[in-house]
């Protein structure tokens, strides 16, 4: 399996989970597309800088046989799948859990009254 295939599966799973979580979250609580884009750009820039530093300093390396061959700085393109997946999945999970938490105390207080 190449790094690109692994990254595609990872991003695909994160995207599917994010969509499902967004569908389960009330519309008013869903993450905004602009906020997701800003977060993704910030994470991609940070990944480019810090992965390039770590690769240049020899902390880790990738097998060139399993890479696509496109790099941003010293970081291979496949390495950017993880911040993209995080930018998709984590805000959706956060919004879902916050919306769920707001519903639970209201329901438990009704049970306490009975």
PDB file of N, CA and C in Angstrom:
ATOM      1  N   UNK A   1       0.849  -1.176   0.000  1.00  0.00           N
ATOM      2  CA  UNK A   1       0.000   0.000   0.000  1.00  0.00           C
ATOM      3  C   UNK A   1       0.896   1.240   0.000  1.00  0.00           C
ATOM      4  N   UNK A   2       0.577   2.174  -0.844  1.00  0.00           N
ATOM      5  CA  UNK A   2       1.360   3.404  -0.906  1.00  0.00           C
ATOM      6  C   UNK A   2       0.850   4.388   0.148  1.00  0.00           C
ATOM      7  N   UNK A   3       1.628   5.412   0.417  1.00  0.00           N
ATOM      8  CA  UNK A   3       1.210   6.446   1.357  1.00  0.00           C
ATOM      9  C   UNK A   3      -0.023   7.176   0.826  1.00  0.00           C
ATOM     10  N   UNK A   4      -0.103   7.339  -0.494  1.00  0.00           N
ATOM     11  CA  UNK A   4      -1.254   8.011  -1.089  1.00  0.00           C
ATOM     12  C   UNK A   4      -2.533   7.211  -0.857  1.00  0.00           C
ATOM     13  N   UNK A   5      -2.479   5.911  -1.003  1.00  0.00           N
ATOM     14  CA  UNK A   5      -3.654   5.076  -0.750  1.00  0.00           C
ATOM     15  C   UNK A   5      -4.064   5.147   0.721  1.00  0.00           C
ATOM     16  N   UNK A   6      -3.099   5.075   1.607  1.00  0.00           N
ATOM     17  CA  UNK A   6      -3.386   5.174   3.031  1.00  0.00           C
ATOM     18  C   UNK A   6      -4.012   6.527   3.359  1.00  0.00           C
ATOM     19  N   UNK A   7      -3.451   7.586   2.804  1.00  0.00           N
ATOM     20  CA  UNK A   7      -3.972   8.928   3.047  1.00  0.00           C
ATOM     21  C   UNK A   7      -5.384   9.073   2.496  1.00  0.00           C
ATOM     22  N   UNK A   8      -5.645   8.497   1.323  1.00  0.00           N
ATOM     23  CA  UNK A   8      -6.983   8.586   0.726  1.00  0.00           C
ATOM     24  C   UNK A   8      -8.017   7.871   1.599  1.00  0.00           C
ATOM     25  N   UNK A   9      -7.688   6.708   2.109  1.00  0.00           N
ATOM     26  CA  UNK A   9      -8.602   5.998   3.006  1.00  0.00           C
ATOM     27  C   UNK A   9      -8.846   6.799   4.281  1.00  0.00           C
ATOM     28  N   UNK A  10      -7.790   7.388   4.805  1.00  0.00           N
ATOM     29  CA  UNK A  10      -7.887   8.149   6.044  1.00  0.00           C
ATOM     30  C   UNK A  10      -8.772   9.384   5.855  1.00  0.00           C
ATOM     31  N   UNK A  11      -8.528  10.145   4.795  1.00  0.00           N
ATOM     32  CA  UNK A  11      -9.328  11.349   4.532  1.00  0.00           C
ATOM     33  C   UNK A  11     -10.767  10.959   4.201  1.00  0.00           C
ATOM     34  N   UNK A  12     -10.944   9.891   3.443  1.00  0.00           N
ATOM     35  CA  UNK A  12     -12.291   9.441   3.118  1.00  0.00           C
ATOM     36  C   UNK A  12     -13.098   9.069   4.347  1.00  0.00           C
ATOM     37  N   UNK A  13     -12.475   8.331   5.248  1.00  0.00           N
ATOM     38  CA  UNK A  13     -13.156   7.948   6.495  1.00  0.00           C
ATOM     39  C   UNK A  13     -13.485   9.179   7.332  1.00  0.00           C
ATOM     40  N   UNK A  14     -12.564  10.121   7.406  1.00  0.00           N
ATOM     41  CA  UNK A  14     -12.805  11.351   8.171  1.00  0.00           C
ATOM     42  C   UNK A  14     -13.928  12.171   7.541  1.00  0.00           C
ATOM     43  N   UNK A  15     -13.961  12.252   6.224  1.00  0.00           N
ATOM     44  CA  UNK A  15     -15.001  13.016   5.539  1.00  0.00           C
ATOM     45  C   UNK A  15     -16.377  12.386   5.748  1.00  0.00           C
ATOM     46  N   UNK A  16     -16.449  11.063   5.652  1.00  0.00           N
ATOM     47  CA  UNK A  16     -17.730  10.378   5.868  1.00  0.00           C
ATOM     48  C   UNK A  16     -18.207  10.585   7.305  1.00  0.00           C
ATOM     49  N   UNK A  17     -17.311  10.434   8.260  1.00  0.00           N
ATOM     50  CA  UNK A  17     -17.680  10.642   9.661  1.00  0.00           C
ATOM     51  C   UNK A  17     -18.112  12.088   9.901  1.00  0.00           C
ATOM     52  N   UNK A  18     -17.418  13.050   9.279  1.00  0.00           N
ATOM     53  CA  UNK A  18     -17.775  14.461   9.451  1.00  0.00           C
ATOM     54  C   UNK A  18     -19.158  14.751   8.881  1.00  0.00           C
ATOM     55  N   UNK A  19     -19.469  14.186   7.740  1.00  0.00           N
ATOM     56  CA  UNK A  19     -20.790  14.393   7.143  1.00  0.00           C
ATOM     57  C   UNK A  19     -21.873  13.777   8.033  1.00  0.00           C
ATOM     58  N   UNK A  20     -21.648  12.563   8.515  1.00  0.00           N
ATOM     59  CA  UNK A  20     -22.633  11.925   9.390  1.00  0.00           C
ATOM     60  C   UNK A  20     -22.840  12.726  10.674  1.00  0.00           C
ATOM     61  N   UNK A  21     -21.750  13.195  11.265  1.00  0.00           N
ATOM     62  CA  UNK A  21     -21.870  13.997  12.484  1.00  0.00           C
ATOM     63  C   UNK A  21     -22.594  15.315  12.204  1.00  0.00           C
ATOM     64  N   UNK A  22     -22.315  15.922  11.048  1.00  0.00           N
ATOM     65  CA  UNK A  22     -22.982  17.177  10.696  1.00  0.00           C
ATOM     66  C   UNK A  22     -24.480  16.965  10.505  1.00  0.00           C
ATOM     67  N   UNK A  23     -24.858  15.824   9.942  1.00  0.00           N
ATOM     68  CA  UNK A  23     -26.282  15.535   9.764  1.00  0.00           C
ATOM     69  C   UNK A  23     -26.989  15.304  11.098  1.00  0.00           C
ATOM     70  N   UNK A  24     -26.268  14.843  12.097  1.00  0.00           N
ATOM     71  CA  UNK A  24     -26.841  14.601  13.420  1.00  0.00           C
ATOM     72  C   UNK A  24     -26.814  15.834  14.318  1.00  0.00           C
ATOM     73  N   UNK A  25     -26.168  16.888  13.855  1.00  0.00           N
ATOM     74  CA  UNK A  25     -26.037  18.120  14.631  1.00  0.00           C
ATOM     75  C   UNK A  25     -27.051  19.137  14.131  1.00  0.00           C
ATOM     76  N   UNK A  26     -27.728  19.842  15.025  1.00  0.00           N
ATOM     77  CA  UNK A  26     -28.654  20.889  14.575  1.00  0.00           C
ATOM     78  C   UNK A  26     -27.944  21.911  13.691  1.00  0.00           C
ATOM     79  N   UNK A  27     -28.656  22.410  12.712  1.00  0.00           N
ATOM     80  CA  UNK A  27     -28.059  23.318  11.713  1.00  0.00           C
ATOM     81  C   UNK A  27     -27.375  24.524  12.352  1.00  0.00           C
ATOM     82  N   UNK A  28     -27.940  25.081  13.383  1.00  0.00           N
ATOM     83  CA  UNK A  28     -27.370  26.270  14.017  1.00  0.00           C
ATOM     84  C   UNK A  28     -26.033  25.981  14.702  1.00  0.00           C
ATOM     85  N   UNK A  29     -25.780  24.727  15.032  1.00  0.00           N
ATOM     86  CA  UNK A  29     -24.555  24.349  15.743  1.00  0.00           C
ATOM     87  C   UNK A  29     -23.462  23.821  14.823  1.00  0.00           C
ATOM     88  N   UNK A  30     -23.731  23.632  13.545  1.00  0.00           N
ATOM     89  CA  UNK A  30     -22.740  23.061  12.628  1.00  0.00           C
ATOM     90  C   UNK A  30     -21.586  24.017  12.391  1.00  0.00           C
ATOM     91  N   UNK A  31     -20.391  23.479  12.167  1.00  0.00           N
ATOM     92  CA  UNK A  31     -19.244  24.341  11.852  1.00  0.00           C
ATOM     93  C   UNK A  31     -19.458  25.060  10.517  1.00  0.00           C
ATOM     94  N   UNK A  32     -18.970  26.273  10.415  1.00  0.00           N
ATOM     95  CA  UNK A  32     -19.093  27.070   9.195  1.00  0.00           C
ATOM     96  C   UNK A  32     -17.988  26.692   8.216  1.00  0.00           C
ATOM     97  N   UNK A  33     -18.314  26.721   6.940  1.00  0.00           N
ATOM     98  CA  UNK A  33     -17.354  26.352   5.891  1.00  0.00           C
ATOM     99  C   UNK A  33     -16.134  27.272   5.899  1.00  0.00           C
ATOM    100  N   UNK A  34     -16.344  28.552   6.120  1.00  0.00           N
ATOM    101  CA  UNK A  34     -15.222  29.499   6.146  1.00  0.00           C
ATOM    102  C   UNK A  34     -14.272  29.176   7.300  1.00  0.00           C
ATOM    103  N   UNK A  35     -14.825  28.830   8.442  1.00  0.00           N
ATOM    104  CA  UNK A  35     -13.984  28.479   9.593  1.00  0.00           C
ATOM    105  C   UNK A  35     -13.191  27.209   9.304  1.00  0.00           C
ATOM    106  N   UNK A  36     -13.829  26.230   8.656  1.00  0.00           N
ATOM    107  CA  UNK A  36     -13.124  24.999   8.299  1.00  0.00           C
ATOM    108  C   UNK A  36     -11.997  25.288   7.314  1.00  0.00           C
ATOM    109  N   UNK A  37     -12.252  26.155   6.351  1.00  0.00           N
ATOM    110  CA  UNK A  37     -11.223  26.491   5.355  1.00  0.00           C
ATOM    111  C   UNK A  37     -10.044  27.203   6.003  1.00  0.00           C
ATOM    112  N   UNK A  38     -10.317  28.138   6.897  1.00  0.00           N
ATOM    113  CA  UNK A  38      -9.240  28.864   7.583  1.00  0.00           C
ATOM    114  C   UNK A  38      -8.412  27.900   8.434  1.00  0.00           C
ATOM    115  N   UNK A  39      -9.084  27.017   9.142  1.00  0.00           N
ATOM    116  CA  UNK A  39      -8.374  26.031   9.969  1.00  0.00           C
ATOM    117  C   UNK A  39      -7.536  25.103   9.097  1.00  0.00           C
ATOM    118  N   UNK A  40      -8.086  24.661   7.977  1.00  0.00           N
ATOM    119  CA  UNK A  40      -7.345  23.766   7.084  1.00  0.00           C
ATOM    120  C   UNK A  40      -6.103  24.444   6.528  1.00  0.00           C
ATOM    121  N   UNK A  41      -6.229  25.693   6.114  1.00  0.00           N
ATOM    122  CA  UNK A  41      -5.069  26.424   5.580  1.00  0.00           C
ATOM    123  C   UNK A  41      -4.004  26.579   6.659  1.00  0.00           C
ATOM    124  N   UNK A  42      -4.426  26.934   7.867  1.00  0.00           N
ATOM    125  CA  UNK A  42      -3.460  27.084   8.964  1.00  0.00           C
ATOM    126  C   UNK A  42      -2.749  25.766   9.259  1.00  0.00           C
ATOM    127  N   UNK A  43      -3.492  24.670   9.294  1.00  0.00           N
ATOM    128  CA  UNK A  43      -2.881  23.370   9.570  1.00  0.00           C
ATOM    129  C   UNK A  43      -1.954  22.924   8.441  1.00  0.00           C
ATOM    130  N   UNK A  44      -2.313  23.211   7.213  1.00  0.00           N
ATOM    131  CA  UNK A  44      -1.455  22.856   6.078  1.00  0.00           C
ATOM    132  C   UNK A  44      -0.155  23.652   6.121  1.00  0.00           C
ATOM    133  N   UNK A  45      -0.255  24.945   6.421  1.00  0.00           N
ATOM    134  CA  UNK A  45       0.965  25.758   6.530  1.00  0.00           C
ATOM    135  C   UNK A  45       1.865  25.270   7.666  1.00  0.00           C
ATOM    136  N   UNK A  46       1.271  24.984   8.803  1.00  0.00           N
ATOM    137  CA  UNK A  46       2.061  24.486   9.927  1.00  0.00           C
ATOM    138  C   UNK A  46       2.688  23.132   9.610  1.00  0.00           C
ATOM    139  N   UNK A  47       1.946  22.281   8.927  1.00  0.00           N
ATOM    140  CA  UNK A  47       2.485  20.975   8.538  1.00  0.00           C
ATOM    141  C   UNK A  47       3.656  21.145   7.578  1.00  0.00           C
ATOM    142  N   UNK A  48       3.510  22.039   6.608  1.00  0.00           N
ATOM    143  CA  UNK A  48       4.593  22.270   5.643  1.00  0.00           C
ATOM    144  C   UNK A  48       5.862  22.739   6.350  1.00  0.00           C
ATOM    145  N   UNK A  49       5.711  23.665   7.264  1.00  0.00           N
ATOM    146  CA  UNK A  49       6.884  24.213   7.958  1.00  0.00           C
ATOM    147  C   UNK A  49       7.516  23.170   8.886  1.00  0.00           C
ATOM    148  N   UNK A  50       6.731  22.618   9.778  1.00  0.00           N
ATOM    149  CA  UNK A  50       7.315  21.754  10.797  1.00  0.00           C
ATOM    150  C   UNK A  50       7.712  20.379  10.267  1.00  0.00           C
ATOM    151  N   UNK A  51       6.970  19.837   9.321  1.00  0.00           N
ATOM    152  CA  UNK A  51       7.403  18.575   8.717  1.00  0.00           C
ATOM    153  C   UNK A  51       8.693  18.764   7.930  1.00  0.00           C
ATOM    154  N   UNK A  52       8.804  19.892   7.235  1.00  0.00           N
ATOM    155  CA  UNK A  52      10.044  20.163   6.498  1.00  0.00           C
ATOM    156  C   UNK A  52      11.234  20.264   7.452  1.00  0.00           C
ATOM    157  N   UNK A  53      11.029  20.924   8.583  1.00  0.00           N
ATOM    158  CA  UNK A  53      12.106  21.039   9.571  1.00  0.00           C
ATOM    159  C   UNK A  53      12.487  19.660  10.113  1.00  0.00           C
ATOM    160  N   UNK A  54      11.485  18.855  10.451  1.00  0.00           N
ATOM    161  CA  UNK A  54      11.770  17.533  11.019  1.00  0.00           C
ATOM    162  C   UNK A  54      12.425  16.610   9.994  1.00  0.00           C
ATOM    163  N   UNK A  55      11.985  16.670   8.752  1.00  0.00           N
ATOM    164  CA  UNK A  55      12.589  15.833   7.712  1.00  0.00           C
ATOM    165  C   UNK A  55      14.003  16.294   7.409  1.00  0.00           C
ATOM    166  N   UNK A  56      14.201  17.611   7.326  1.00  0.00           N
ATOM    167  CA  UNK A  56      15.535  18.151   7.048  1.00  0.00           C
ATOM    168  C   UNK A  56      16.522  17.820   8.164  1.00  0.00           C
ATOM    169  N   UNK A  57      16.043  17.767   9.403  1.00  0.00           N
ATOM    170  CA  UNK A  57      16.936  17.464  10.522  1.00  0.00           C
ATOM    171  C   UNK A  57      17.159  15.965  10.704  1.00  0.00           C
ATOM    172  N   UNK A  58      16.455  15.147   9.919  1.00  0.00           N
ATOM    173  CA  UNK A  58      16.675  13.712   9.958  1.00  0.00           C
ATOM    174  C   UNK A  58      15.883  12.965  11.022  1.00  0.00           C
ATOM    175  N   UNK A  59      14.849  13.598  11.580  1.00  0.00           N
ATOM    176  CA  UNK A  59      14.049  12.911  12.595  1.00  0.00           C
ATOM    177  C   UNK A  59      13.279  11.727  12.012  1.00  0.00           C
ATOM    178  N   UNK A  60      12.859  11.855  10.766  1.00  0.00           N
ATOM    179  CA  UNK A  60      12.195  10.743  10.086  1.00  0.00           C
ATOM    180  C   UNK A  60      12.321  10.931   8.588  1.00  0.00           C
ATOM    181  N   UNK A  61      11.996   9.884   7.866  1.00  0.00           N
ATOM    182  CA  UNK A  61      12.018   9.948   6.402  1.00  0.00           C
ATOM    183  C   UNK A  61      10.962   9.000   5.849  1.00  0.00           C
ATOM    184  N   UNK A  62      10.670   9.171   4.579  1.00  0.00           N
ATOM    185  CA  UNK A  62       9.695   8.323   3.896  1.00  0.00           C
ATOM    186  C   UNK A  62      10.411   7.504   2.838  1.00  0.00           C
ATOM    187  N   UNK A  63       9.926   6.303   2.615  1.00  0.00           N
ATOM    188  CA  UNK A  63      10.459   5.468   1.556  1.00  0.00           C
ATOM    189  C   UNK A  63      10.036   6.062   0.214  1.00  0.00           C
ATOM    190  N   UNK A  64      10.979   6.444  -0.629  1.00  0.00           N
ATOM    191  CA  UNK A  64      10.615   7.064  -1.905  1.00  0.00           C
ATOM    192  C   UNK A  64       9.829   6.125  -2.826  1.00  0.00           C
ATOM    193  N   UNK A  65       9.922   4.818  -2.594  1.00  0.00           N
ATOM    194  CA  UNK A  65       9.191   3.854  -3.427  1.00  0.00           C
ATOM    195  C   UNK A  65       7.683   3.959  -3.241  1.00  0.00           C
ATOM    196  N   UNK A  66       7.251   4.470  -2.090  1.00  0.00           N
ATOM    197  CA  UNK A  66       5.821   4.528  -1.786  1.00  0.00           C
ATOM    198  C   UNK A  66       5.248   5.934  -1.871  1.00  0.00           C
ATOM    199  N   UNK A  67       6.024   6.888  -2.362  1.00  0.00           N
ATOM    200  CA  UNK A  67       5.576   8.272  -2.452  1.00  0.00           C
ATOM    201  C   UNK A  67       5.166   8.628  -3.877  1.00  0.00           C
ATOM    202  N   UNK A  68       4.273   9.604  -3.979  1.00  0.00           N
ATOM    203  CA  UNK A  68       3.861  10.128  -5.274  1.00  0.00           C
ATOM    204  C   UNK A  68       4.994  10.908  -5.926  1.00  0.00           C
ATOM    205  N   UNK A  69       5.805  11.579  -5.118  1.00  0.00           N
ATOM    206  CA  UNK A  69       6.948  12.325  -5.620  1.00  0.00           C
ATOM    207  C   UNK A  69       6.775  13.833  -5.570  1.00  0.00           C
ATOM    208  N   UNK A  70       5.583  14.309  -5.213  1.00  0.00           N
ATOM    209  CA  UNK A  70       5.325  15.743  -5.100  1.00  0.00           C
ATOM    210  C   UNK A  70       5.596  16.154  -3.650  1.00  0.00           C
ATOM    211  N   UNK A  71       6.377  17.229  -3.485  1.00  0.00           N
ATOM    212  CA  UNK A  71       6.724  17.706  -2.151  1.00  0.00           C
ATOM    213  C   UNK A  71       6.378  19.184  -2.014  1.00  0.00           C
ATOM    214  N   UNK A  72       6.023  19.571  -0.824  1.00  0.00           N
ATOM    215  CA  UNK A  72       5.885  20.980  -0.455  1.00  0.00           C
ATOM    216  C   UNK A  72       6.941  21.204   0.609  1.00  0.00           C
ATOM    217  N   UNK A  73       7.963  21.938   0.264  1.00  0.00           N
ATOM    218  CA  UNK A  73       9.146  21.984   1.109  1.00  0.00           C
ATOM    219  C   UNK A  73       9.789  20.613   1.038  1.00  0.00           C
ATOM    220  N   UNK A  74      10.060  20.025   2.187  1.00  0.00           N
ATOM    221  CA  UNK A  74      10.571  18.658   2.222  1.00  0.00           C
ATOM    222  C   UNK A  74       9.453  17.638   2.501  1.00  0.00           C
ATOM    223  N   UNK A  75       8.261  18.133   2.801  1.00  0.00           N
ATOM    224  CA  UNK A  75       7.154  17.250   3.172  1.00  0.00           C
ATOM    225  C   UNK A  75       6.470  16.697   1.924  1.00  0.00           C
ATOM    226  N   UNK A  76       6.277  15.384   1.870  1.00  0.00           N
ATOM    227  CA  UNK A  76       5.568  14.803   0.731  1.00  0.00           C
ATOM    228  C   UNK A  76       4.091  15.189   0.754  1.00  0.00           C
ATOM    229  N   UNK A  77       3.492  15.242  -0.408  1.00  0.00           N
ATOM    230  CA  UNK A  77       2.098  15.632  -0.538  1.00  0.00           C
ATOM    231  C   UNK A  77       1.176  14.760   0.319  1.00  0.00           C
ATOM    232  N   UNK A  78       1.492  13.490   0.418  1.00  0.00           N
ATOM    233  CA  UNK A  78       0.661  12.566   1.186  1.00  0.00           C
ATOM    234  C   UNK A  78       0.581  12.946   2.661  1.00  0.00           C
ATOM    235  N   UNK A  79       1.571  13.641   3.162  1.00  0.00           N
ATOM    236  CA  UNK A  79       1.612  14.011   4.571  1.00  0.00           C
ATOM    237  C   UNK A  79       0.554  15.053   4.929  1.00  0.00           C
ATOM    238  N   UNK A  80      -0.016  15.706   3.944  1.00  0.00           N
ATOM    239  CA  UNK A  80      -0.996  16.761   4.202  1.00  0.00           C
ATOM    240  C   UNK A  80      -2.416  16.217   4.356  1.00  0.00           C
ATOM    241  N   UNK A  81      -2.582  14.926   4.177  1.00  0.00           N
ATOM    242  CA  UNK A  81      -3.908  14.327   4.354  1.00  0.00           C
ATOM    243  C   UNK A  81      -4.355  14.391   5.806  1.00  0.00           C
ATOM    244  N   UNK A  82      -3.427  14.252   6.722  1.00  0.00           N
ATOM    245  CA  UNK A  82      -3.783  14.194   8.138  1.00  0.00           C
ATOM    246  C   UNK A  82      -4.288  15.531   8.669  1.00  0.00           C
ATOM    247  N   UNK A  83      -3.656  16.669   8.360  1.00  0.00           N
ATOM    248  CA  UNK A  83      -4.255  17.928   8.813  1.00  0.00           C
ATOM    249  C   UNK A  83      -5.584  18.230   8.121  1.00  0.00           C
ATOM    250  N   UNK A  84      -5.746  17.791   6.868  1.00  0.00           N
ATOM    251  CA  UNK A  84      -7.024  17.997   6.187  1.00  0.00           C
ATOM    252  C   UNK A  84      -8.108  17.163   6.863  1.00  0.00           C
ATOM    253  N   UNK A  85      -7.791  15.919   7.181  1.00  0.00           N
ATOM    254  CA  UNK A  85      -8.758  15.058   7.875  1.00  0.00           C
ATOM    255  C   UNK A  85      -9.116  15.641   9.239  1.00  0.00           C
ATOM    256  N   UNK A  86      -8.118  16.153   9.936  1.00  0.00           N
ATOM    257  CA  UNK A  86      -8.379  16.770  11.236  1.00  0.00           C
ATOM    258  C   UNK A  86      -9.253  18.002  11.123  1.00  0.00           C
ATOM    259  N   UNK A  87      -9.015  18.809  10.096  1.00  0.00           N
ATOM    260  CA  UNK A  87      -9.817  20.021   9.892  1.00  0.00           C
ATOM    261  C   UNK A  87     -11.259  19.684   9.520  1.00  0.00           C
ATOM    262  N   UNK A  88     -11.474  18.532   8.925  1.00  0.00           N
ATOM    263  CA  UNK A  88     -12.837  18.098   8.595  1.00  0.00           C
ATOM    264  C   UNK A  88     -13.541  17.467   9.794  1.00  0.00           C
ATOM    265  N   UNK A  89     -12.864  16.533  10.416  1.00  0.00           N
ATOM    266  CA  UNK A  89     -13.512  15.697  11.425  1.00  0.00           C
ATOM    267  C   UNK A  89     -13.650  16.368  12.789  1.00  0.00           C
ATOM    268  N   UNK A  90     -12.610  17.001  13.276  1.00  0.00           N
ATOM    269  CA  UNK A  90     -12.639  17.507  14.651  1.00  0.00           C
ATOM    270  C   UNK A  90     -13.679  18.592  14.894  1.00  0.00           C
ATOM    271  N   UNK A  91     -13.862  19.580  14.007  1.00  0.00           N
ATOM    272  CA  UNK A  91     -14.936  20.554  14.249  1.00  0.00           C
ATOM    273  C   UNK A  91     -16.331  19.917  14.214  1.00  0.00           C
ATOM    274  N   UNK A  92     -16.532  18.943  13.322  1.00  0.00           N
ATOM    275  CA  UNK A  92     -17.833  18.262  13.268  1.00  0.00           C
ATOM    276  C   UNK A  92     -18.087  17.485  14.557  1.00  0.00           C
ATOM    277  N   UNK A  93     -17.064  16.817  15.053  1.00  0.00           N
ATOM    278  CA  UNK A  93     -17.195  16.074  16.308  1.00  0.00           C
ATOM    279  C   UNK A  93     -17.445  17.024  17.475  1.00  0.00           C
ATOM    280  N   UNK A  94     -16.720  18.118  17.507  1.00  0.00           N
ATOM    281  CA  UNK A  94     -16.882  19.115  18.578  1.00  0.00           C
ATOM    282  C   UNK A  94     -18.305  19.675  18.576  1.00  0.00           C
ATOM    283  N   UNK A  95     -18.809  20.059  17.402  1.00  0.00           N
ATOM    284  CA  UNK A  95     -20.164  20.619  17.308  1.00  0.00           C
ATOM    285  C   UNK A  95     -21.208  19.587  17.721  1.00  0.00           C
ATOM    286  N   UNK A  96     -21.019  18.353  17.300  1.00  0.00           N
ATOM    287  CA  UNK A  96     -21.962  17.285  17.660  1.00  0.00           C
ATOM    288  C   UNK A  96     -21.980  17.074  19.168  1.00  0.00           C
ATOM    289  N   UNK A  97     -20.813  16.990  19.787  1.00  0.00           N
ATOM    290  CA  UNK A  97     -20.751  16.748  21.226  1.00  0.00           C
ATOM    291  C   UNK A  97     -21.293  17.932  22.026  1.00  0.00           C
ATOM    292  N   UNK A  98     -21.030  19.148  21.565  1.00  0.00           N
ATOM    293  CA  UNK A  98     -21.567  20.327  22.266  1.00  0.00           C
ATOM    294  C   UNK A  98     -23.080  20.376  22.168  1.00  0.00           C
ATOM    295  N   UNK A  99     -23.621  20.072  20.990  1.00  0.00           N
ATOM    296  CA  UNK A  99     -25.078  20.081  20.815  1.00  0.00           C
ATOM    297  C   UNK A  99     -25.710  18.979  21.658  1.00  0.00           C
ATOM    298  N   UNK A 100     -25.070  17.836  21.708  1.00  0.00           N
ATOM    299  CA  UNK A 100     -25.584  16.706  22.491  1.00  0.00           C
ATOM    300  C   UNK A 100     -25.543  17.020  23.984  1.00  0.00           C
ATOM    301  N   UNK A 101     -24.469  17.677  24.414  1.00  0.00           N
ATOM    302  CA  UNK A 101     -24.326  18.009  25.830  1.00  0.00           C
ATOM    303  C   UNK A 101     -25.408  18.995  26.274  1.00  0.00           C
ATOM    304  N   UNK A 102     -25.795  19.893  25.388  1.00  0.00           N
ATOM    305  CA  UNK A 102     -26.842  20.854  25.751  1.00  0.00           C
ATOM    306  C   UNK A 102     -28.199  20.185  25.893  1.00  0.00           C
ATOM    307  N   UNK A 103     -28.417  19.085  25.183  1.00  0.00           N
ATOM    308  CA  UNK A 103     -29.688  18.370  25.284  1.00  0.00           C
ATOM    309  C   UNK A 103     -29.757  17.483  26.513  1.00  0.00           C
ATOM    310  N   UNK A 104     -28.650  16.898  26.917  1.00  0.00           N
ATOM    311  CA  UNK A 104     -28.641  15.929  28.016  1.00  0.00           C
ATOM    312  C   UNK A 104     -29.042  16.553  29.344  1.00  0.00           C
ATOM    313  N   UNK A 105     -28.511  17.707  29.776  1.00  0.00           N
ATOM    314  CA  UNK A 105     -28.935  18.265  31.070  1.00  0.00           C
ATOM    315  C   UNK A 105     -30.422  18.598  31.106  1.00  0.00           C
ATOM    316  N   UNK A 106     -30.989  19.052  30.004  1.00  0.00           N
ATOM    317  CA  UNK A 106     -32.417  19.375  29.983  1.00  0.00           C
ATOM    318  C   UNK A 106     -33.245  18.118  30.179  1.00  0.00           C
ATOM    319  N   UNK A 107     -32.840  17.033  29.572  1.00  0.00           N
ATOM    320  CA  UNK A 107     -33.568  15.780  29.727  1.00  0.00           C
ATOM    321  C   UNK A 107     -33.399  15.202  31.132  1.00  0.00           C
ATOM    322  N   UNK A 108     -32.187  15.290  31.704  1.00  0.00           N
ATOM    323  CA  UNK A 108     -31.960  14.726  33.035  1.00  0.00           C
ATOM    324  C   UNK A 108     -32.656  15.536  34.110  1.00  0.00           C
ATOM    325  N   UNK A 109     -32.835  16.857  33.910  1.00  0.00           N
ATOM    326  CA  UNK A 109     -33.544  17.660  34.915  1.00  0.00           C
ATOM    327  C   UNK A 109     -35.028  17.332  34.919  1.00  0.00           C
ATOM    328  N   UNK A 110     -35.582  16.956  33.755  1.00  0.00           N
ATOM    329  CA  UNK A 110     -36.983  16.536  33.692  1.00  0.00           C
ATOM    330  C   UNK A 110     -37.179  15.242  34.459  1.00  0.00           C
ATOM    331  N   UNK A 111     -36.199  14.327  34.335  1.00  0.00           N
ATOM    332  CA  UNK A 111     -36.288  13.057  35.053  1.00  0.00           C
ATOM    333  C   UNK A 111     -36.178  13.267  36.554  1.00  0.00           C
ATOM    334  N   UNK A 112     -35.393  14.246  36.986  1.00  0.00           N
ATOM    335  CA  UNK A 112     -35.225  14.509  38.410  1.00  0.00           C
ATOM    336  C   UNK A 112     -36.509  15.051  39.026  1.00  0.00           C
ATOM    337  N   UNK A 113     -37.308  15.771  38.234  1.00  0.00           N
ATOM    338  CA  UNK A 113     -38.563  16.341  38.724  1.00  0.00           C
ATOM    339  C   UNK A 113     -39.628  15.262  38.969  1.00  0.00           C
ATOM    340  N   UNK A 114     -39.509  14.139  38.311  1.00  0.00           N
ATOM    341  CA  UNK A 114     -40.542  13.097  38.411  1.00  0.00           C
ATOM    342  C   UNK A 114     -40.428  12.315  39.661  1.00  0.00           C
TER     343      UNK A 114
END
